[in-house]
Amino acid sequence: MFDGDLPRRTVMKAAVAIGSAGALSACLNRADGADAPTGDPDAKPSRQHAWREHVRHDDHGNTQLPAHQILIYFDIDGAGPPADDDRAGLVETLDGLDRAYEWSNDGLLHSVAYSPSYFDRFDVDPAGVSLPEPSALSPFESPTFDRQDAVLHLASDRPEVVLAADRALRGERETANGVTVPSLTDVATIDSRRTGFVGAGLPAENQDAAGVPDSRPVPEASPLFMGFTAGFRGNQATESYVTLDSGPFAGGTTKVIANIRQRLDDWYDEQSYDERVTELFSPGHAENDLVEGVGETLGADSGIDRFVDDVVADAKEYGRVGHAQKAARANRDPEGNVRLLRRHFESTDDIGSEKAVASLHFPSLQRTIAEFETVRRSMNGTDATAATPAVRQRVNNGILEYIFARRRGYFLVPPRRHRALPTPDPE
């Protein structure tokens, strides 16, 4: 099934994308037979989104997200509120995952989140949480909206872990890591399965995809297809900041998941390195030589706060503005705290007759969906387009020329105590 001469990471990523029994076998054969650490349900944190203290970090304290990730979108069987038996069944499934794997990047991190459509089953909104229907956030996008009842997010540095958990959830095996995990399909119908990867080396090894030039320009050191690192600690909200602090869902958070198609031929073939720095960060970053390589010189903070007030002036002076500087000006509260916690990862899911398609899965955590929408609208750069004809709706306007929103969904991530088919007011 897999060429024995292929690099191990390429085989692992391909196996996760395929998700078959043969793929799992190939993964296990490549994993040196090592078992993942098992878990203790009582040792899991109360927040489903508590990941930072359980994953790797670089020398600057930046979070290194698990390399292999799967999103499973599903609908609860039947109409109306879910039955108690269904709720008990999901409890057994999630508890099975908790017993099968340690809560870590070496085991399995996971969370389940619920959409507005799920709460429509009760004809009541979730108490204390604003959970609107997803909508278009710019005049030039028309994404498909994910309105499935729920999404289960799996993440691990071990591809065999996410694969075994995924296959157990889909009813294709009875155990994961030697522990019985009842199938998700006992209570739900799986609508969509989406996979991805993140980390230095993985995008370079998987850049044979539509949307990336044939010249294979993605640097080996880059964790993402666009050639730069992201998710600097100083430019991310903390887990505590995005956590709901009152109401029955206190300890939870809200989650937006978008899928963004990337078309990077012009990004690499027409833009110089300095122009890419300008459009991803800001003209000031390029002018002051703040970025080297994939951004290693930035440490724990991109330094974008220096340039958030310069968008209109930069548009007039340079005829370009930066993606990060546009977003960051709306991504700070009055005290200067960052509002969004982004956990994005790459994908080549769309396997057609010729090649896969480069895209980005973009999960974002925040206290309110409105905060995400405000930051996303700030990316439109409307004030920059009004300042000079050089900056247009997409051209010279950050990275909007190269990214295209294909899907978007809004979700509530309950605290662990309410993670199994919650009612709108579970307490």
Protein backbone atom coordinates (compact mmCIF):
# COMPACT_ATOMS: atom_id res chain seq x y z
CA MET A 1 0.00 0.00 0.00
CA PHE A 2 2.79 2.43 0.91
CA ASP A 3 6.20 2.60 -0.72
CA GLY A 4 8.80 1.44 1.80
CA ASP A 5 11.19 4.17 0.62
CA LEU A 6 8.84 7.03 1.47
CA PRO A 7 9.82 9.28 4.41
CA ARG A 8 8.15 8.16 7.64
CA ARG A 9 6.32 11.48 8.13
CA THR A 10 4.89 11.34 4.60
CA VAL A 11 3.57 7.84 5.20
CA MET A 12 2.07 8.87 8.53
CA LYS A 13 0.27 11.91 7.11
CA ALA A 14 -1.05 9.91 4.15
CA ALA A 15 -2.27 7.18 6.48
CA VAL A 16 -4.24 9.66 8.59
CA ALA A 17 -5.83 11.15 5.46
CA ILE A 18 -6.84 7.71 4.13
CA GLY A 19 -8.09 6.45 7.50
CA SER A 20 -8.49 2.81 6.48
CA ALA A 21 -7.55 -0.40 8.24
CA GLY A 22 -4.65 -0.79 5.84
CA ALA A 23 -3.53 2.74 6.62
CA LEU A 24 -3.63 2.01 10.34
CA SER A 25 -1.60 -1.15 9.79
CA ALA A 26 1.00 0.81 7.86
CA CYS A 27 1.10 3.38 10.65
CA LEU A 28 1.54 0.78 13.36
CA ASN A 29 4.28 -0.95 11.38
CA ARG A 30 6.13 2.35 11.20
CA ALA A 31 5.62 3.20 14.88
CA ASP A 32 8.23 0.79 16.28
CA GLY A 33 5.49 -1.09 18.13
CA ALA A 34 5.39 1.47 20.96
CA ASP A 35 2.07 1.78 22.77
CA ALA A 36 0.74 5.22 23.60
CA PRO A 37 0.36 6.04 27.31
CA THR A 38 -3.09 5.14 28.62
CA GLY A 39 -5.29 7.61 30.44
CA ASP A 40 -7.23 8.17 33.62
CA PRO A 41 -10.62 9.88 33.14
CA ASP A 42 -10.36 11.42 36.61
CA ALA A 43 -7.05 13.05 35.70
CA LYS A 44 -8.43 15.01 32.75
CA PRO A 45 -8.74 18.82 33.07
CA SER A 46 -12.17 20.34 33.56
CA ARG A 47 -11.77 22.39 30.38
CA GLN A 48 -11.94 20.47 27.13
CA HIS A 49 -9.79 23.17 25.52
CA ALA A 50 -7.01 22.87 28.12
CA TRP A 51 -4.19 21.85 25.78
CA ARG A 52 -1.27 24.21 26.35
CA GLU A 53 0.17 22.54 29.45
CA HIS A 54 -0.09 19.13 27.80
CA VAL A 55 1.81 19.70 24.52
CA ARG A 56 5.34 20.54 23.41
CA HIS A 57 6.75 24.08 23.34
CA ASP A 58 9.66 25.60 21.45
CA ASP A 59 12.59 27.43 23.03
CA HIS A 60 10.50 30.63 23.21
CA GLY A 61 7.51 29.02 24.93
CA ASN A 62 5.39 28.97 21.78
CA THR A 63 2.88 26.11 21.69
CA GLN A 64 3.70 23.30 19.27
CA LEU A 65 0.32 21.91 18.29
CA PRO A 66 0.00 18.13 17.81
CA ALA A 67 1.19 17.16 14.35
CA HIS A 68 -1.82 15.04 13.31
CA GLN A 69 -5.44 16.13 13.64
CA ILE A 70 -8.89 14.91 12.60
CA LEU A 71 -12.25 16.67 12.66
CA ILE A 72 -15.35 14.44 12.77
CA TYR A 73 -18.63 16.25 12.08
CA PHE A 74 -21.76 14.35 13.11
CA ASP A 75 -25.52 14.56 13.60
CA ILE A 76 -27.44 12.97 16.45
CA ASP A 77 -29.90 10.37 15.20
CA GLY A 78 -33.58 11.31 15.28
CA ALA A 79 -35.34 14.65 15.68
CA GLY A 80 -35.88 16.78 18.75
CA PRO A 81 -33.85 16.63 21.98
CA PRO A 82 -31.52 13.63 22.24
CA ALA A 83 -32.67 10.70 24.35
CA ASP A 84 -31.09 9.87 27.69
CA ASP A 85 -29.84 6.60 26.20
CA ASP A 86 -28.02 8.56 23.49
CA ARG A 87 -26.45 10.82 26.10
CA ALA A 88 -25.32 7.82 28.14
CA GLY A 89 -23.92 6.23 24.99
CA LEU A 90 -21.83 9.29 24.17
CA VAL A 91 -20.59 9.40 27.76
CA GLU A 92 -19.31 5.83 27.35
CA THR A 93 -17.63 6.70 24.05
CA LEU A 94 -15.83 9.77 25.37
CA ASP A 95 -14.89 8.04 28.63
CA GLY A 96 -13.45 5.23 26.52
CA LEU A 97 -11.17 7.68 24.75
CA ASP A 98 -10.15 9.09 28.14
CA ARG A 99 -9.19 5.64 29.38
CA ALA A 100 -7.43 4.69 26.16
CA TYR A 101 -5.06 7.66 26.03
CA GLU A 102 -3.22 10.06 28.28
CA TRP A 103 -4.25 13.73 27.93
CA SER A 104 -1.12 14.87 26.07
CA ASN A 105 0.44 15.27 22.66
CA ASP A 106 1.94 11.80 23.15
CA GLY A 107 -1.53 10.43 23.90
CA LEU A 108 -4.71 12.07 22.62
CA LEU A 109 -6.24 15.53 23.05
CA HIS A 110 -9.86 15.80 22.03
CA SER A 111 -12.92 17.99 22.42
CA VAL A 112 -16.54 17.89 21.32
CA ALA A 113 -18.44 21.05 20.41
CA TYR A 114 -22.07 21.78 19.53
CA SER A 115 -23.60 23.98 16.84
CA PRO A 116 -26.63 26.31 16.87
CA SER A 117 -28.46 23.56 14.94
CA TYR A 118 -27.98 21.18 17.85
CA PHE A 119 -29.62 23.61 20.27
CA ASP A 120 -32.43 24.18 17.78
CA ARG A 121 -33.53 20.67 18.76
CA PHE A 122 -34.59 22.17 22.11
CA ASP A 123 -36.06 25.38 20.67
CA VAL A 124 -34.02 27.19 23.33
CA ASP A 125 -30.66 28.95 23.05
CA PRO A 126 -27.82 27.80 25.31
CA ALA A 127 -27.98 29.71 28.59
CA GLY A 128 -25.46 32.49 29.04
CA VAL A 129 -23.88 32.01 25.58
CA SER A 130 -24.49 33.83 22.30
CA LEU A 131 -24.24 31.17 19.59
CA PRO A 132 -25.43 32.66 16.28
CA GLU A 133 -25.71 30.94 12.93
CA PRO A 134 -22.55 31.31 10.83
CA SER A 135 -22.58 34.03 8.19
CA ALA A 136 -20.45 35.57 5.44
CA LEU A 137 -17.99 38.07 6.91
CA SER A 138 -16.86 39.84 3.76
CA PRO A 139 -18.55 40.92 0.52
CA PHE A 140 -16.30 38.61 -1.51
CA GLU A 141 -16.77 35.28 0.28
CA SER A 142 -19.52 32.68 0.01
CA PRO A 143 -18.52 29.74 2.22
CA THR A 144 -20.62 26.66 2.84
CA PHE A 145 -21.79 26.73 6.45
CA ASP A 146 -21.26 23.70 8.66
CA ARG A 147 -24.56 23.13 10.44
CA GLN A 148 -24.01 19.59 11.66
CA ASP A 149 -25.03 19.01 15.28
CA ALA A 150 -21.49 18.64 16.57
CA VAL A 151 -17.80 18.22 15.78
CA LEU A 152 -15.28 16.01 17.57
CA HIS A 153 -11.67 17.21 17.31
CA LEU A 154 -8.82 14.69 17.74
CA ALA A 155 -5.14 15.65 18.00
CA SER A 156 -1.89 13.80 18.69
CA ASP A 157 1.74 13.75 17.68
CA ARG A 158 1.26 10.02 17.04
CA PRO A 159 -0.59 9.36 13.78
CA GLU A 160 -1.44 5.83 14.89
CA VAL A 161 -3.26 7.32 17.89
CA VAL A 162 -5.61 9.59 15.93
CA LEU A 163 -6.14 6.80 13.39
CA ALA A 164 -7.03 4.16 15.98
CA ALA A 165 -9.32 6.56 17.85
CA ASP A 166 -10.93 7.65 14.59
CA ARG A 167 -11.60 4.08 13.45
CA ALA A 168 -13.06 3.13 16.83
CA LEU A 169 -15.34 6.16 16.72
CA ARG A 170 -16.50 5.19 13.24
CA GLY A 171 -17.23 1.64 14.33
CA GLU A 172 -14.41 0.05 12.32
CA ARG A 173 -12.69 -1.43 15.37
CA GLU A 174 -13.76 -2.13 18.95
CA THR A 175 -10.69 -0.92 20.80
CA ALA A 176 -8.11 1.84 20.78
CA ASN A 177 -4.79 1.28 22.55
CA GLY A 178 -6.22 -1.92 24.02
CA VAL A 179 -9.24 -0.18 25.58
CA THR A 180 -12.86 -0.66 24.47
CA VAL A 181 -14.25 2.51 22.86
CA PRO A 182 -17.96 2.29 21.95
CA SER A 183 -18.63 3.63 18.46
CA LEU A 184 -19.91 7.15 17.94
CA THR A 185 -22.16 5.66 15.27
CA ASP A 186 -24.23 3.99 18.00
CA VAL A 187 -25.86 7.37 18.68
CA ALA A 188 -24.98 9.55 15.68
CA THR A 189 -24.43 9.65 11.93
CA ILE A 190 -21.04 10.90 10.78
CA ASP A 191 -21.44 13.56 8.11
CA SER A 192 -17.85 14.57 7.37
CA ARG A 193 -14.30 13.52 8.26
CA ARG A 194 -11.49 16.04 7.73
CA THR A 195 -7.80 15.59 8.42
CA GLY A 196 -4.74 17.77 8.72
CA PHE A 197 -1.19 18.27 9.91
CA VAL A 198 1.07 20.99 11.26
CA GLY A 199 4.72 21.34 12.16
CA ALA A 200 8.12 21.91 10.59
CA GLY A 201 8.74 19.56 7.68
CA LEU A 202 5.18 18.33 7.16
CA PRO A 203 4.01 21.09 4.76
CA ALA A 204 7.24 20.78 2.74
CA GLU A 205 6.82 17.03 2.45
CA ASN A 206 3.18 17.38 1.39
CA GLN A 207 3.39 20.36 -0.96
CA ASP A 208 2.60 18.30 -4.06
CA ALA A 209 -0.90 19.72 -3.95
CA ALA A 210 -3.07 21.98 -6.05
CA GLY A 211 -2.50 25.54 -4.91
CA VAL A 212 1.26 25.15 -4.29
CA PRO A 213 3.68 25.82 -7.18
CA ASP A 214 5.38 22.84 -8.80
CA SER A 215 8.75 24.40 -7.87
CA ARG A 216 8.18 23.08 -4.30
CA PRO A 217 8.92 26.42 -2.60
CA VAL A 218 7.66 25.61 0.94
CA PRO A 219 10.68 25.73 3.29
CA GLU A 220 11.50 22.58 5.25
CA ALA A 221 11.49 24.62 8.48
CA SER A 222 8.00 26.04 7.96
CA PRO A 223 5.09 24.58 9.95
CA LEU A 224 2.59 25.98 7.40
CA PHE A 225 2.26 26.13 3.60
CA MET A 226 2.74 29.92 3.41
CA GLY A 227 6.34 29.59 4.56
CA PHE A 228 6.25 31.28 7.96
CA THR A 229 5.61 30.25 11.54
CA ALA A 230 2.52 31.47 13.40
CA GLY A 231 0.84 31.23 16.77
CA PHE A 232 3.42 33.24 18.72
CA ARG A 233 2.72 33.09 22.43
CA GLY A 234 2.57 36.87 22.74
CA ASN A 235 0.00 37.12 19.96
CA GLN A 236 -2.37 34.45 21.24
CA ALA A 237 -5.09 34.66 23.85
CA THR A 238 -4.52 32.48 26.89
CA GLU A 239 -6.80 29.53 27.57
CA SER A 240 -8.05 31.31 30.68
CA TYR A 241 -8.92 34.44 28.72
CA VAL A 242 -11.12 32.59 26.21
CA THR A 243 -12.89 30.57 28.93
CA LEU A 244 -16.51 31.41 29.79
CA ASP A 245 -16.55 32.59 33.39
CA SER A 246 -20.26 32.48 34.28
CA GLY A 247 -23.45 30.57 33.59
CA PRO A 248 -24.02 26.82 33.28
CA PHE A 249 -21.33 26.55 30.59
CA ALA A 250 -18.66 28.26 32.70
CA GLY A 251 -15.36 26.56 31.98
CA GLY A 252 -16.22 26.15 28.30
CA THR A 253 -15.56 28.38 25.31
CA THR A 254 -16.85 29.10 21.81
CA LYS A 255 -15.21 27.71 18.71
CA VAL A 256 -15.17 28.75 15.07
CA ILE A 257 -13.82 26.29 12.52
CA ALA A 258 -13.18 27.51 8.99
CA ASN A 259 -11.63 25.73 6.04
CA ILE A 260 -9.63 28.00 3.76
CA ARG A 261 -8.46 27.07 0.26
CA GLN A 262 -4.93 28.33 -0.50
CA ARG A 263 -3.72 29.37 -3.96
CA LEU A 264 -0.05 30.14 -3.52
CA ASP A 265 1.35 30.26 -7.07
CA ASP A 266 1.45 34.06 -7.09
CA TRP A 267 2.48 34.13 -3.42
CA TYR A 268 5.71 32.34 -4.23
CA ASP A 269 6.26 33.03 -7.94
CA GLU A 270 5.37 36.74 -8.12
CA GLN A 271 6.17 38.04 -4.63
CA SER A 272 9.70 38.48 -3.31
CA TYR A 273 10.54 37.37 0.21
CA ASP A 274 10.23 40.96 1.50
CA GLU A 275 6.87 41.35 -0.23
CA ARG A 276 5.64 38.17 1.44
CA VAL A 277 6.80 39.51 4.80
CA THR A 278 5.00 42.78 4.05
CA GLU A 279 1.73 41.12 3.15
CA LEU A 280 1.73 38.55 5.95
CA PHE A 281 3.01 40.77 8.77
CA SER A 282 3.33 44.47 7.87
CA PRO A 283 5.42 46.83 5.73
CA GLY A 284 7.25 47.79 8.93
CA HIS A 285 8.45 44.21 9.39
CA ALA A 286 10.05 44.23 5.95
CA GLU A 287 11.40 47.77 6.26
CA ASN A 288 13.09 46.98 9.57
CA ASP A 289 14.29 43.45 8.63
CA LEU A 290 12.43 41.96 11.59
CA VAL A 291 11.85 38.58 9.96
CA GLU A 292 14.42 36.02 8.88
CA GLY A 293 13.80 32.57 7.45
CA VAL A 294 10.40 31.31 8.52
CA GLY A 295 10.26 33.79 11.41
CA GLU A 296 12.64 32.24 13.92
CA THR A 297 13.97 35.69 14.81
CA LEU A 298 10.61 36.82 16.17
CA GLY A 299 10.83 34.65 19.28
CA ALA A 300 7.65 34.61 21.34
CA ASP A 301 6.03 37.71 19.79
CA SER A 302 5.64 38.79 16.17
CA GLY A 303 5.99 42.44 17.22
CA ILE A 304 2.82 43.29 15.32
CA ASP A 305 1.49 45.64 18.02
CA ARG A 306 4.02 48.27 16.88
CA PHE A 307 2.27 48.53 13.52
CA VAL A 308 -1.47 48.15 14.17
CA ASP A 309 -2.11 51.90 13.95
CA ASP A 310 -0.26 52.22 10.64
CA VAL A 311 -2.66 50.44 8.28
CA VAL A 312 -3.93 53.50 6.41
CA ALA A 313 -0.55 55.26 6.45
CA ASP A 314 1.16 52.09 5.17
CA ALA A 315 -1.43 51.72 2.43
CA LYS A 316 -0.62 55.23 1.21
CA GLU A 317 3.15 54.92 1.55
CA TYR A 318 3.79 51.36 0.40
CA GLY A 319 0.67 50.50 -1.59
CA ARG A 320 0.31 47.34 0.55
CA VAL A 321 -0.83 46.40 4.03
CA GLY A 322 -0.17 43.38 6.20
CA HIS A 323 -2.58 40.61 7.17
CA ALA A 324 -1.40 40.46 10.78
CA GLN A 325 -1.53 44.22 11.35
CA LYS A 326 -5.10 44.41 10.03
CA ALA A 327 -6.31 41.56 12.23
CA ALA A 328 -4.37 42.56 15.36
CA ARG A 329 -5.95 46.00 15.63
CA ALA A 330 -9.31 44.31 16.36
CA ASN A 331 -7.79 41.41 18.26
CA ARG A 332 -7.02 43.36 21.45
CA ASP A 333 -9.36 44.31 24.28
CA PRO A 334 -9.11 47.75 25.97
CA GLU A 335 -6.48 46.38 28.35
CA GLY A 336 -4.36 45.05 25.49
CA ASN A 337 -5.21 41.37 25.94
CA VAL A 338 -5.39 39.23 22.81
CA ARG A 339 -8.95 38.00 22.23
CA LEU A 340 -8.55 34.91 20.00
CA LEU A 341 -6.71 31.64 20.55
CA ARG A 342 -5.96 30.19 17.10
CA ARG A 343 -5.11 26.53 16.57
CA HIS A 344 -4.87 26.20 12.79
CA PHE A 345 -3.40 23.31 10.82
CA GLU A 346 -2.88 22.42 7.17
CA SER A 347 -4.74 19.90 5.02
CA THR A 348 -4.63 18.23 1.62
CA ASP A 349 -7.93 16.41 2.07
CA ASP A 350 -9.50 16.98 -1.32
CA ILE A 351 -7.99 14.14 -3.26
CA GLY A 352 -9.15 14.34 -6.88
CA SER A 353 -8.09 12.66 -10.07
CA GLU A 354 -4.79 14.54 -10.22
CA LYS A 355 -3.63 15.83 -6.85
CA ALA A 356 -4.74 16.94 -3.40
CA VAL A 357 -5.73 20.52 -2.63
CA ALA A 358 -3.84 22.75 -0.20
CA SER A 359 -6.12 24.21 2.45
CA LEU A 360 -6.05 25.39 6.04
CA HIS A 361 -8.32 24.24 8.86
CA PHE A 362 -8.70 27.26 11.12
CA PRO A 363 -10.12 26.55 14.60
CA SER A 364 -10.37 29.68 16.74
CA LEU A 365 -11.37 29.82 20.42
CA GLN A 366 -12.84 32.93 22.04
CA ARG A 367 -15.33 33.90 24.72
CA THR A 368 -17.85 35.21 22.17
CA ILE A 369 -18.40 34.51 18.49
CA ALA A 370 -18.79 38.27 18.01
CA GLU A 371 -15.11 38.71 18.88
CA PHE A 372 -14.11 36.38 16.07
CA GLU A 373 -16.42 38.14 13.62
CA THR A 374 -14.96 41.54 14.52
CA VAL A 375 -11.40 40.35 13.95
CA ARG A 376 -12.32 38.65 10.66
CA ARG A 377 -14.04 41.79 9.36
CA SER A 378 -10.98 43.83 10.28
CA MET A 379 -9.02 41.61 7.86
CA ASN A 380 -11.11 43.04 5.00
CA GLY A 381 -9.02 46.23 5.15
CA THR A 382 -11.87 48.44 4.00
CA ASP A 383 -10.15 51.58 5.28
CA ALA A 384 -6.99 50.68 3.36
CA THR A 385 -8.89 50.26 0.10
CA ALA A 386 -10.48 53.68 0.66
CA ALA A 387 -7.07 55.28 1.26
CA THR A 388 -5.44 54.39 -2.08
CA PRO A 389 -6.36 52.67 -5.34
CA ALA A 390 -3.20 50.54 -4.98
CA VAL A 391 -4.90 48.47 -2.26
CA ARG A 392 -7.95 46.69 -3.61
CA GLN A 393 -10.49 44.28 -2.19
CA ARG A 394 -8.02 41.41 -2.49
CA VAL A 395 -4.87 42.73 -4.21
CA ASN A 396 -2.11 44.19 -1.96
CA ASN A 397 -4.52 43.70 0.94
CA GLY A 398 -2.71 41.34 3.27
CA ILE A 399 -3.06 37.72 2.14
CA LEU A 400 -6.65 37.95 0.85
CA GLU A 401 -5.42 37.36 -2.71
CA TYR A 402 -4.26 33.87 -1.77
CA ILE A 403 -6.92 32.51 0.63
CA PHE A 404 -10.55 31.60 -0.01
CA ALA A 405 -13.03 30.62 2.71
CA ARG A 406 -14.75 27.38 1.72
CA ARG A 407 -16.51 26.35 4.95
CA ARG A 408 -17.27 27.90 8.34
CA GLY A 409 -19.10 26.68 11.42
CA TYR A 410 -19.82 28.07 14.89
CA PHE A 411 -19.80 25.88 18.00
CA LEU A 412 -20.00 25.86 21.79
CA VAL A 413 -17.34 23.80 23.56
CA PRO A 414 -18.93 22.87 26.91
CA PRO A 415 -16.85 22.21 30.02
CA ARG A 416 -16.04 18.54 30.44
CA ARG A 417 -18.87 17.98 32.92
CA HIS A 418 -21.44 18.86 30.21
CA ARG A 419 -19.67 17.55 27.12
CA ALA A 420 -22.14 14.70 26.33
CA LEU A 421 -25.22 16.08 24.55
CA PRO A 422 -25.91 18.98 26.92
CA THR A 423 -29.31 20.58 27.37
CA PRO A 424 -29.45 24.37 26.85
CA ASP A 425 -29.36 24.88 30.64
CA PRO A 426 -27.64 21.79 32.04
CA GLU A 427 -27.39 23.09 35.60
